[in-house]
């Protein structure tokens, strides 16, 4: 039988520490990424909601202006008839 020669490999302390810490670093990066995505979604939703509110306010102001114009026309008509 032939003997297999296994090489003697020494790993440095840096490699052992890096290998032990790497999963925690990746987990931290993943958590930060998830939190960032959640905040971006919240900001986007708030922006869209504010846009809808502004649009509704504009429509309400527009209808109010139309009603005021109608009232003014009626008042002018009454005043013209009274002359």
N, C-alpha and C. Protein backbone atom coordinates (compact mmCIF):
# COMPACT_ATOMS: atom_id res chain seq x y z
N UNK A 1 0.81 -1.18 0.00
CA UNK A 1 0.00 0.00 0.00
C UNK A 1 0.86 1.25 0.00
N UNK A 2 0.33 2.22 -0.75
CA UNK A 2 1.06 3.48 -0.81
C UNK A 2 0.55 4.40 0.28
N UNK A 3 1.47 5.13 0.81
CA UNK A 3 1.09 6.11 1.82
C UNK A 3 0.71 7.41 1.13
N UNK A 4 -0.39 8.00 1.59
CA UNK A 4 -0.74 9.31 1.06
C UNK A 4 -0.15 10.35 1.99
N UNK A 5 0.44 11.31 1.41
CA UNK A 5 1.07 12.35 2.19
C UNK A 5 0.10 13.52 2.30
N UNK A 6 -0.30 13.82 3.50
CA UNK A 6 -1.20 14.95 3.72
C UNK A 6 -0.36 16.17 4.04
N UNK A 7 -0.62 17.26 3.35
CA UNK A 7 0.17 18.46 3.61
C UNK A 7 -0.22 19.07 4.95
N UNK A 8 0.75 19.60 5.60
CA UNK A 8 0.49 20.29 6.86
C UNK A 8 0.21 21.75 6.52
N UNK A 9 -1.05 22.15 6.76
CA UNK A 9 -1.45 23.51 6.43
C UNK A 9 -1.80 24.22 7.73
N UNK A 10 -1.17 25.34 7.91
CA UNK A 10 -1.49 26.16 9.08
C UNK A 10 -2.30 27.35 8.61
N UNK A 11 -3.42 27.55 9.25
CA UNK A 11 -4.22 28.72 8.91
C UNK A 11 -3.86 29.81 9.91
N UNK A 12 -3.85 31.01 9.41
CA UNK A 12 -3.50 32.11 10.29
C UNK A 12 -4.70 32.45 11.17
N UNK A 13 -4.44 33.18 12.21
CA UNK A 13 -5.50 33.59 13.13
C UNK A 13 -6.49 34.51 12.41
N UNK A 14 -5.99 35.31 11.48
CA UNK A 14 -6.87 36.21 10.73
C UNK A 14 -7.92 35.43 9.96
N UNK A 15 -7.52 34.37 9.32
CA UNK A 15 -8.45 33.57 8.53
C UNK A 15 -9.49 32.94 9.44
N UNK A 16 -9.10 32.46 10.58
CA UNK A 16 -10.05 31.85 11.51
C UNK A 16 -11.03 32.88 12.04
N UNK A 17 -10.53 34.05 12.40
CA UNK A 17 -11.42 35.10 12.90
C UNK A 17 -12.34 35.59 11.79
N UNK A 18 -11.79 35.80 10.60
CA UNK A 18 -12.59 36.26 9.47
C UNK A 18 -13.70 35.25 9.16
N UNK A 19 -13.38 33.98 9.17
CA UNK A 19 -14.36 32.93 8.89
C UNK A 19 -15.43 32.90 9.97
N UNK A 20 -15.06 33.17 11.21
CA UNK A 20 -16.03 33.15 12.30
C UNK A 20 -16.93 34.39 12.27
N UNK A 21 -16.40 35.52 11.86
CA UNK A 21 -17.13 36.79 11.91
C UNK A 21 -17.96 37.02 10.64
N UNK A 22 -17.57 36.44 9.54
CA UNK A 22 -18.22 36.70 8.25
C UNK A 22 -19.73 36.48 8.28
N UNK A 23 -20.27 35.42 8.83
CA UNK A 23 -21.73 35.26 8.83
C UNK A 23 -22.45 36.40 9.57
N UNK A 24 -21.87 36.88 10.65
CA UNK A 24 -22.50 37.97 11.40
C UNK A 24 -22.47 39.28 10.61
N UNK A 25 -21.38 39.51 9.91
CA UNK A 25 -21.28 40.71 9.08
C UNK A 25 -22.31 40.65 7.95
N UNK A 26 -22.42 39.51 7.31
CA UNK A 26 -23.40 39.35 6.24
C UNK A 26 -24.82 39.51 6.77
N UNK A 27 -25.09 38.99 7.96
CA UNK A 27 -26.41 39.14 8.57
C UNK A 27 -26.70 40.60 8.87
N UNK A 28 -25.72 41.33 9.36
CA UNK A 28 -25.89 42.75 9.65
C UNK A 28 -26.16 43.53 8.37
N UNK A 29 -25.45 43.22 7.30
CA UNK A 29 -25.67 43.89 6.02
C UNK A 29 -27.08 43.59 5.52
N UNK A 30 -27.52 42.37 5.64
CA UNK A 30 -28.86 41.98 5.22
C UNK A 30 -29.93 42.73 6.02
N UNK A 31 -29.74 42.85 7.33
CA UNK A 31 -30.70 43.57 8.17
C UNK A 31 -30.75 45.05 7.77
N UNK A 32 -29.60 45.65 7.56
CA UNK A 32 -29.56 47.07 7.16
C UNK A 32 -30.25 47.24 5.81
N UNK A 33 -30.05 46.33 4.89
CA UNK A 33 -30.69 46.40 3.58
C UNK A 33 -32.21 46.30 3.70
N UNK A 34 -32.69 45.40 4.53
CA UNK A 34 -34.13 45.23 4.73
C UNK A 34 -34.73 46.49 5.36
N UNK A 35 -34.06 47.05 6.36
CA UNK A 35 -34.55 48.28 6.99
C UNK A 35 -34.58 49.42 5.98
N UNK A 36 -33.58 49.53 5.16
CA UNK A 36 -33.53 50.56 4.12
C UNK A 36 -34.70 50.41 3.15
N UNK A 37 -34.97 49.19 2.71
CA UNK A 37 -36.07 48.95 1.78
C UNK A 37 -37.40 49.31 2.42
N UNK A 38 -37.59 48.95 3.69
CA UNK A 38 -38.84 49.28 4.39
C UNK A 38 -39.03 50.78 4.44
N UNK A 39 -37.99 51.53 4.78
CA UNK A 39 -38.12 52.99 4.85
C UNK A 39 -38.37 53.61 3.49
N UNK A 40 -37.75 53.09 2.45
CA UNK A 40 -37.99 53.61 1.09
C UNK A 40 -39.45 53.38 0.70
N UNK A 41 -39.99 52.22 1.03
CA UNK A 41 -41.39 51.93 0.72
C UNK A 41 -42.31 52.86 1.50
N UNK A 42 -42.01 53.10 2.77
CA UNK A 42 -42.83 54.02 3.56
C UNK A 42 -42.79 55.43 3.00
N UNK A 43 -41.63 55.89 2.61
CA UNK A 43 -41.50 57.24 2.04
C UNK A 43 -42.26 57.32 0.72
N UNK A 44 -42.18 56.29 -0.10
CA UNK A 44 -42.90 56.29 -1.37
C UNK A 44 -44.40 56.31 -1.14
N UNK A 45 -44.88 55.53 -0.18
CA UNK A 45 -46.31 55.52 0.12
C UNK A 45 -46.77 56.88 0.63
N UNK A 46 -45.98 57.49 1.48
CA UNK A 46 -46.34 58.81 2.01
C UNK A 46 -46.37 59.84 0.89
N UNK A 47 -45.40 59.78 0.00
CA UNK A 47 -45.35 60.70 -1.13
C UNK A 47 -46.58 60.55 -2.02
N UNK A 48 -46.95 59.30 -2.31
CA UNK A 48 -48.14 59.05 -3.13
C UNK A 48 -49.41 59.50 -2.43
N UNK A 49 -49.50 59.27 -1.12
CA UNK A 49 -50.67 59.70 -0.36
C UNK A 49 -50.78 61.23 -0.36
N UNK A 50 -49.66 61.92 -0.18
CA UNK A 50 -49.68 63.38 -0.21
C UNK A 50 -50.10 63.89 -1.58
N UNK A 51 -49.69 63.22 -2.63
CA UNK A 51 -50.10 63.61 -3.98
C UNK A 51 -51.60 63.46 -4.16
N UNK A 52 -52.17 62.38 -3.63
CA UNK A 52 -53.61 62.17 -3.74
C UNK A 52 -54.37 63.23 -2.93
N UNK A 53 -53.87 63.56 -1.75
CA UNK A 53 -54.51 64.57 -0.92
C UNK A 53 -54.48 65.92 -1.62
N UNK A 54 -53.35 66.27 -2.22
CA UNK A 54 -53.24 67.54 -2.94
C UNK A 54 -54.21 67.57 -4.12
N UNK A 55 -54.34 66.45 -4.81
CA UNK A 55 -55.25 66.39 -5.95
C UNK A 55 -56.70 66.55 -5.49
N UNK A 56 -57.07 65.91 -4.40
CA UNK A 56 -58.43 66.05 -3.87
C UNK A 56 -58.70 67.48 -3.43
N UNK A 57 -57.72 68.10 -2.80
CA UNK A 57 -57.87 69.49 -2.37
C UNK A 57 -58.06 70.41 -3.57
N UNK A 58 -57.30 70.18 -4.63
CA UNK A 58 -57.42 70.99 -5.83
C UNK A 58 -58.80 70.84 -6.45
N UNK A 59 -59.31 69.61 -6.52
CA UNK A 59 -60.64 69.37 -7.08
C UNK A 59 -61.71 70.05 -6.24
N UNK A 60 -61.57 70.00 -4.91
CA UNK A 60 -62.55 70.64 -4.03
C UNK A 60 -62.52 72.15 -4.22
N UNK A 61 -61.35 72.72 -4.32
CA UNK A 61 -61.24 74.17 -4.55
C UNK A 61 -61.86 74.54 -5.89
N UNK A 62 -61.66 73.71 -6.89
CA UNK A 62 -62.22 73.97 -8.21
C UNK A 62 -63.74 73.94 -8.17
N UNK A 63 -64.31 72.96 -7.48
CA UNK A 63 -65.78 72.90 -7.37
C UNK A 63 -66.30 74.08 -6.55
N UNK A 64 -65.58 74.48 -5.52
CA UNK A 64 -65.99 75.64 -4.72
C UNK A 64 -66.01 76.91 -5.59
N UNK A 65 -65.01 77.06 -6.44
CA UNK A 65 -64.94 78.23 -7.32
C UNK A 65 -66.13 78.22 -8.28
N UNK A 66 -66.46 77.04 -8.81
CA UNK A 66 -67.61 76.94 -9.72
C UNK A 66 -68.90 77.32 -9.01
N UNK A 67 -69.07 76.87 -7.78
CA UNK A 67 -70.27 77.21 -7.02
C UNK A 67 -70.35 78.71 -6.76
N UNK A 68 -69.24 79.32 -6.41
CA UNK A 68 -69.21 80.77 -6.17
C UNK A 68 -69.55 81.53 -7.44
N UNK A 69 -69.06 81.07 -8.58
CA UNK A 69 -69.37 81.72 -9.86
C UNK A 69 -70.86 81.63 -10.15
N UNK A 70 -71.46 80.46 -9.89
CA UNK A 70 -72.90 80.30 -10.10
C UNK A 70 -73.69 81.25 -9.20
N UNK A 71 -73.28 81.36 -7.94
CA UNK A 71 -73.97 82.26 -7.02
C UNK A 71 -73.84 83.70 -7.48
N UNK A 72 -72.67 84.09 -7.95
CA UNK A 72 -72.48 85.46 -8.45
C UNK A 72 -73.34 85.72 -9.67
N UNK A 73 -73.44 84.73 -10.56
CA UNK A 73 -74.30 84.89 -11.74
C UNK A 73 -75.75 85.09 -11.32
N UNK A 74 -76.21 84.31 -10.33
CA UNK A 74 -77.58 84.47 -9.85
C UNK A 74 -77.80 85.84 -9.23
N UNK A 75 -76.83 86.29 -8.45
CA UNK A 75 -76.96 87.61 -7.82
C UNK A 75 -76.98 88.71 -8.88
N UNK A 76 -76.12 88.61 -9.88
CA UNK A 76 -76.10 89.60 -10.97
C UNK A 76 -77.43 89.60 -11.72
N UNK A 77 -77.98 88.43 -11.95
CA UNK A 77 -79.26 88.32 -12.64
C UNK A 77 -80.36 89.00 -11.84
N UNK A 78 -80.38 88.76 -10.53
CA UNK A 78 -81.39 89.38 -9.67
C UNK A 78 -81.22 90.88 -9.65
N UNK A 79 -79.99 91.37 -9.57
CA UNK A 79 -79.75 92.81 -9.55
C UNK A 79 -80.13 93.46 -10.90
N UNK A 80 -79.85 92.78 -11.99
CA UNK A 80 -80.22 93.32 -13.30
C UNK A 80 -81.75 93.37 -13.47
N UNK A 81 -82.46 92.39 -12.93
CA UNK A 81 -83.91 92.38 -13.00
C UNK A 81 -84.52 93.48 -12.13
N UNK A 82 -83.83 93.80 -11.02
CA UNK A 82 -84.34 94.79 -10.07
C UNK A 82 -84.21 96.21 -10.64
N UNK A 83 -83.35 96.42 -11.58
CA UNK A 83 -83.14 97.77 -12.14
C UNK A 83 -84.25 98.19 -12.99
